[in-house]
Amino acid sequence: MNAKDMISDELKYHLLKLLEKDPNMSQRAISREMDISLGKANYCLHALIDKGMIKAKNFYKNKNKTAYTYYLTPKGIEEKATITFRFLQSKLTEYENLKFEIEEIRKEAAALSGKHNA
């Protein structure tokens, strides 16, 4: 497994979602939107290109030669669907765990409040 296989599902999910919404988004805008470094944005984009999930097109007539349009490939669309499902499951599990933890803290706070008032 190489390093580019180590990109988290959450990072892939957010990046694929951004590119699906705005294929013309610059790497700088991606880094700002995702709150990651420009280098990490570049690394992640190249990893997704290497895996065949996105294609980058540079339009030769464009005055800005560094501007690319990033397209999700059929593999990228399929991967986004898979990741979306896993991401949803992860967030639902996290939500249930937080609900349980909050309830435990409420019970503890109520018990401490009762001892404090006694």
C-alpha atoms as a PDB file:
ATOM      1  CA  MET A   1       0.000   0.000   0.000  1.00  0.00           C
ATOM      2  CA  ASN A   2       1.534   3.320  -1.003  1.00  0.00           C
ATOM      3  CA  ALA A   3       1.075   6.641   0.782  1.00  0.00           C
ATOM      4  CA  LYS A   4      -1.570   7.862  -1.660  1.00  0.00           C
ATOM      5  CA  ASP A   5      -3.805   4.984  -0.550  1.00  0.00           C
ATOM      6  CA  MET A   6      -3.775   6.476   2.946  1.00  0.00           C
ATOM      7  CA  ILE A   7      -6.066   9.438   2.229  1.00  0.00           C
ATOM      8  CA  SER A   8      -8.957   9.247   4.683  1.00  0.00           C
ATOM      9  CA  ASP A   9     -12.507   8.634   3.528  1.00  0.00           C
ATOM     10  CA  GLU A  10     -13.531  11.927   5.112  1.00  0.00           C
ATOM     11  CA  LEU A  11     -10.943  13.849   3.101  1.00  0.00           C
ATOM     12  CA  LYS A  12     -11.883  12.028  -0.125  1.00  0.00           C
ATOM     13  CA  TYR A  13     -15.583  12.615   0.581  1.00  0.00           C
ATOM     14  CA  HIS A  14     -15.169  16.364   1.064  1.00  0.00           C
ATOM     15  CA  LEU A  15     -12.840  16.736  -1.921  1.00  0.00           C
ATOM     16  CA  LEU A  16     -15.069  14.757  -4.302  1.00  0.00           C
ATOM     17  CA  LYS A  17     -18.105  16.678  -3.042  1.00  0.00           C
ATOM     18  CA  LEU A  18     -16.354  20.020  -3.659  1.00  0.00           C
ATOM     19  CA  LEU A  19     -15.244  19.042  -7.159  1.00  0.00           C
ATOM     20  CA  GLU A  20     -18.682  17.734  -8.032  1.00  0.00           C
ATOM     21  CA  LYS A  21     -20.158  21.082  -6.968  1.00  0.00           C
ATOM     22  CA  ASP A  22     -17.474  23.223  -8.649  1.00  0.00           C
ATOM     23  CA  PRO A  23     -15.121  21.448 -11.096  1.00  0.00           C
ATOM     24  CA  ASN A  24     -13.298  24.735 -11.779  1.00  0.00           C
ATOM     25  CA  MET A  25     -12.256  25.243  -8.162  1.00  0.00           C
ATOM     26  CA  SER A  26      -8.562  26.095  -7.857  1.00  0.00           C
ATOM     27  CA  GLN A  27      -6.239  24.182  -5.575  1.00  0.00           C
ATOM     28  CA  ARG A  28      -5.907  27.300  -3.443  1.00  0.00           C
ATOM     29  CA  ALA A  29      -9.698  27.539  -3.081  1.00  0.00           C
ATOM     30  CA  ILE A  30      -9.862  23.819  -2.282  1.00  0.00           C
ATOM     31  CA  SER A  31      -7.215  24.214   0.421  1.00  0.00           C
ATOM     32  CA  ARG A  32      -9.098  27.163   1.948  1.00  0.00           C
ATOM     33  CA  GLU A  33     -12.483  25.434   1.778  1.00  0.00           C
ATOM     34  CA  MET A  34     -11.167  22.210   3.312  1.00  0.00           C
ATOM     35  CA  ASP A  35      -8.843  23.972   5.778  1.00  0.00           C
ATOM     36  CA  ILE A  36      -5.792  22.044   4.569  1.00  0.00           C
ATOM     37  CA  SER A  37      -2.467  23.219   3.196  1.00  0.00           C
ATOM     38  CA  LEU A  38      -2.065  23.922  -0.506  1.00  0.00           C
ATOM     39  CA  GLY A  39       0.482  21.098  -0.675  1.00  0.00           C
ATOM     40  CA  LYS A  40      -1.975  18.640   0.867  1.00  0.00           C
ATOM     41  CA  ALA A  41      -4.698  19.726  -1.569  1.00  0.00           C
ATOM     42  CA  ASN A  42      -2.284  19.134  -4.464  1.00  0.00           C
ATOM     43  CA  TYR A  43      -1.242  15.760  -3.037  1.00  0.00           C
ATOM     44  CA  CYS A  44      -4.868  14.622  -2.585  1.00  0.00           C
ATOM     45  CA  LEU A  45      -5.867  15.745  -6.076  1.00  0.00           C
ATOM     46  CA  HIS A  46      -2.940  13.843  -7.588  1.00  0.00           C
ATOM     47  CA  ALA A  47      -3.827  10.771  -5.524  1.00  0.00           C
ATOM     48  CA  LEU A  48      -7.403  10.843  -6.855  1.00  0.00           C
ATOM     49  CA  ILE A  49      -6.106  11.356 -10.399  1.00  0.00           C
ATOM     50  CA  ASP A  50      -3.697   8.411  -9.973  1.00  0.00           C
ATOM     51  CA  LYS A  51      -6.579   6.233  -8.744  1.00  0.00           C
ATOM     52  CA  GLY A  52      -8.703   7.223 -11.750  1.00  0.00           C
ATOM     53  CA  MET A  53     -11.367   8.981  -9.671  1.00  0.00           C
ATOM     54  CA  ILE A  54     -10.917  12.395 -11.256  1.00  0.00           C
ATOM     55  CA  LYS A  55      -9.458  13.805 -14.458  1.00  0.00           C
ATOM     56  CA  ALA A  56      -7.829  17.194 -14.716  1.00  0.00           C
ATOM     57  CA  LYS A  57      -8.263  19.225 -17.886  1.00  0.00           C
ATOM     58  CA  ASN A  58      -6.233  22.305 -18.685  1.00  0.00           C
ATOM     59  CA  PHE A  59      -7.735  24.336 -21.482  1.00  0.00           C
ATOM     60  CA  TYR A  60      -4.969  25.493 -23.783  1.00  0.00           C
ATOM     61  CA  LYS A  61      -6.940  28.608 -24.806  1.00  0.00           C
ATOM     62  CA  ASN A  62      -7.257  29.697 -21.179  1.00  0.00           C
ATOM     63  CA  LYS A  63      -4.983  32.630 -20.328  1.00  0.00           C
ATOM     64  CA  ASN A  64      -4.401  31.131 -16.885  1.00  0.00           C
ATOM     65  CA  LYS A  65      -2.246  28.118 -17.778  1.00  0.00           C
ATOM     66  CA  THR A  66      -2.378  26.820 -14.194  1.00  0.00           C
ATOM     67  CA  ALA A  67      -6.183  26.630 -14.128  1.00  0.00           C
ATOM     68  CA  TYR A  68      -7.663  23.163 -14.318  1.00  0.00           C
ATOM     69  CA  THR A  69     -11.128  21.721 -14.401  1.00  0.00           C
ATOM     70  CA  TYR A  70     -11.476  18.554 -12.337  1.00  0.00           C
ATOM     71  CA  TYR A  71     -14.035  16.021 -13.536  1.00  0.00           C
ATOM     72  CA  LEU A  72     -15.264  13.061 -11.533  1.00  0.00           C
ATOM     73  CA  THR A  73     -14.857   9.914 -13.593  1.00  0.00           C
ATOM     74  CA  PRO A  74     -17.418   7.085 -13.451  1.00  0.00           C
ATOM     75  CA  LYS A  75     -15.042   5.405 -10.966  1.00  0.00           C
ATOM     76  CA  GLY A  76     -14.960   8.644  -8.947  1.00  0.00           C
ATOM     77  CA  ILE A  77     -18.749   8.892  -8.914  1.00  0.00           C
ATOM     78  CA  GLU A  78     -19.001   5.277  -7.754  1.00  0.00           C
ATOM     79  CA  GLU A  79     -16.336   5.813  -5.092  1.00  0.00           C
ATOM     80  CA  LYS A  80     -18.094   8.980  -3.889  1.00  0.00           C
ATOM     81  CA  ALA A  81     -21.323   6.999  -3.446  1.00  0.00           C
ATOM     82  CA  THR A  82     -19.485   4.286  -1.497  1.00  0.00           C
ATOM     83  CA  ILE A  83     -17.619   6.805   0.643  1.00  0.00           C
ATOM     84  CA  THR A  84     -20.812   8.793   1.252  1.00  0.00           C
ATOM     85  CA  PHE A  85     -22.494   5.690   2.649  1.00  0.00           C
ATOM     86  CA  ARG A  86     -19.483   4.836   4.857  1.00  0.00           C
ATOM     87  CA  PHE A  87     -19.189   8.464   5.977  1.00  0.00           C
ATOM     88  CA  LEU A  88     -22.882   8.561   6.878  1.00  0.00           C
ATOM     89  CA  GLN A  89     -22.576   5.305   8.856  1.00  0.00           C
ATOM     90  CA  SER A  90     -19.526   6.674  10.667  1.00  0.00           C
ATOM     91  CA  LYS A  91     -21.268   9.939  11.555  1.00  0.00           C
ATOM     92  CA  LEU A  92     -24.405   8.099  12.739  1.00  0.00           C
ATOM     93  CA  THR A  93     -22.281   5.893  15.002  1.00  0.00           C
ATOM     94  CA  GLU A  94     -20.462   8.967  16.281  1.00  0.00           C
ATOM     95  CA  TYR A  95     -23.823  10.669  16.904  1.00  0.00           C
ATOM     96  CA  GLU A  96     -25.163   7.684  18.872  1.00  0.00           C
ATOM     97  CA  ASN A  97     -21.974   7.538  20.948  1.00  0.00           C
ATOM     98  CA  LEU A  98     -22.217  11.261  21.676  1.00  0.00           C
ATOM     99  CA  LYS A  99     -25.866  10.940  22.717  1.00  0.00           C
ATOM    100  CA  PHE A 100     -24.892   8.179  25.151  1.00  0.00           C
ATOM    101  CA  GLU A 101     -21.949  10.186  26.502  1.00  0.00           C
ATOM    102  CA  ILE A 102     -24.096  13.306  26.943  1.00  0.00           C
ATOM    103  CA  GLU A 103     -26.701  11.318  28.862  1.00  0.00           C
ATOM    104  CA  GLU A 104     -23.988   9.897  31.143  1.00  0.00           C
ATOM    105  CA  ILE A 105     -22.620  13.399  31.774  1.00  0.00           C
ATOM    106  CA  ARG A 106     -26.136  14.681  32.542  1.00  0.00           C
ATOM    107  CA  LYS A 107     -26.618  11.913  35.099  1.00  0.00           C
ATOM    108  CA  GLU A 108     -23.247  12.683  36.654  1.00  0.00           C
ATOM    109  CA  ALA A 109     -24.024  16.414  36.754  1.00  0.00           C
ATOM    110  CA  ALA A 110     -27.425  15.746  38.348  1.00  0.00           C
ATOM    111  CA  ALA A 111     -25.824  13.511  40.972  1.00  0.00           C
ATOM    112  CA  LEU A 112     -23.156  16.108  41.713  1.00  0.00           C
ATOM    113  CA  SER A 113     -25.773  18.840  41.853  1.00  0.00           C
ATOM    114  CA  GLY A 114     -27.767  16.803  44.373  1.00  0.00           C
ATOM    115  CA  LYS A 115     -24.676  16.279  46.541  1.00  0.00           C
ATOM    116  CA  HIS A 116     -23.766  19.951  46.283  1.00  0.00           C
ATOM    117  CA  ASN A 117     -27.229  21.067  47.438  1.00  0.00           C
ATOM    118  CA  ALA A 118     -27.411  18.566  50.333  1.00  0.00           C
END
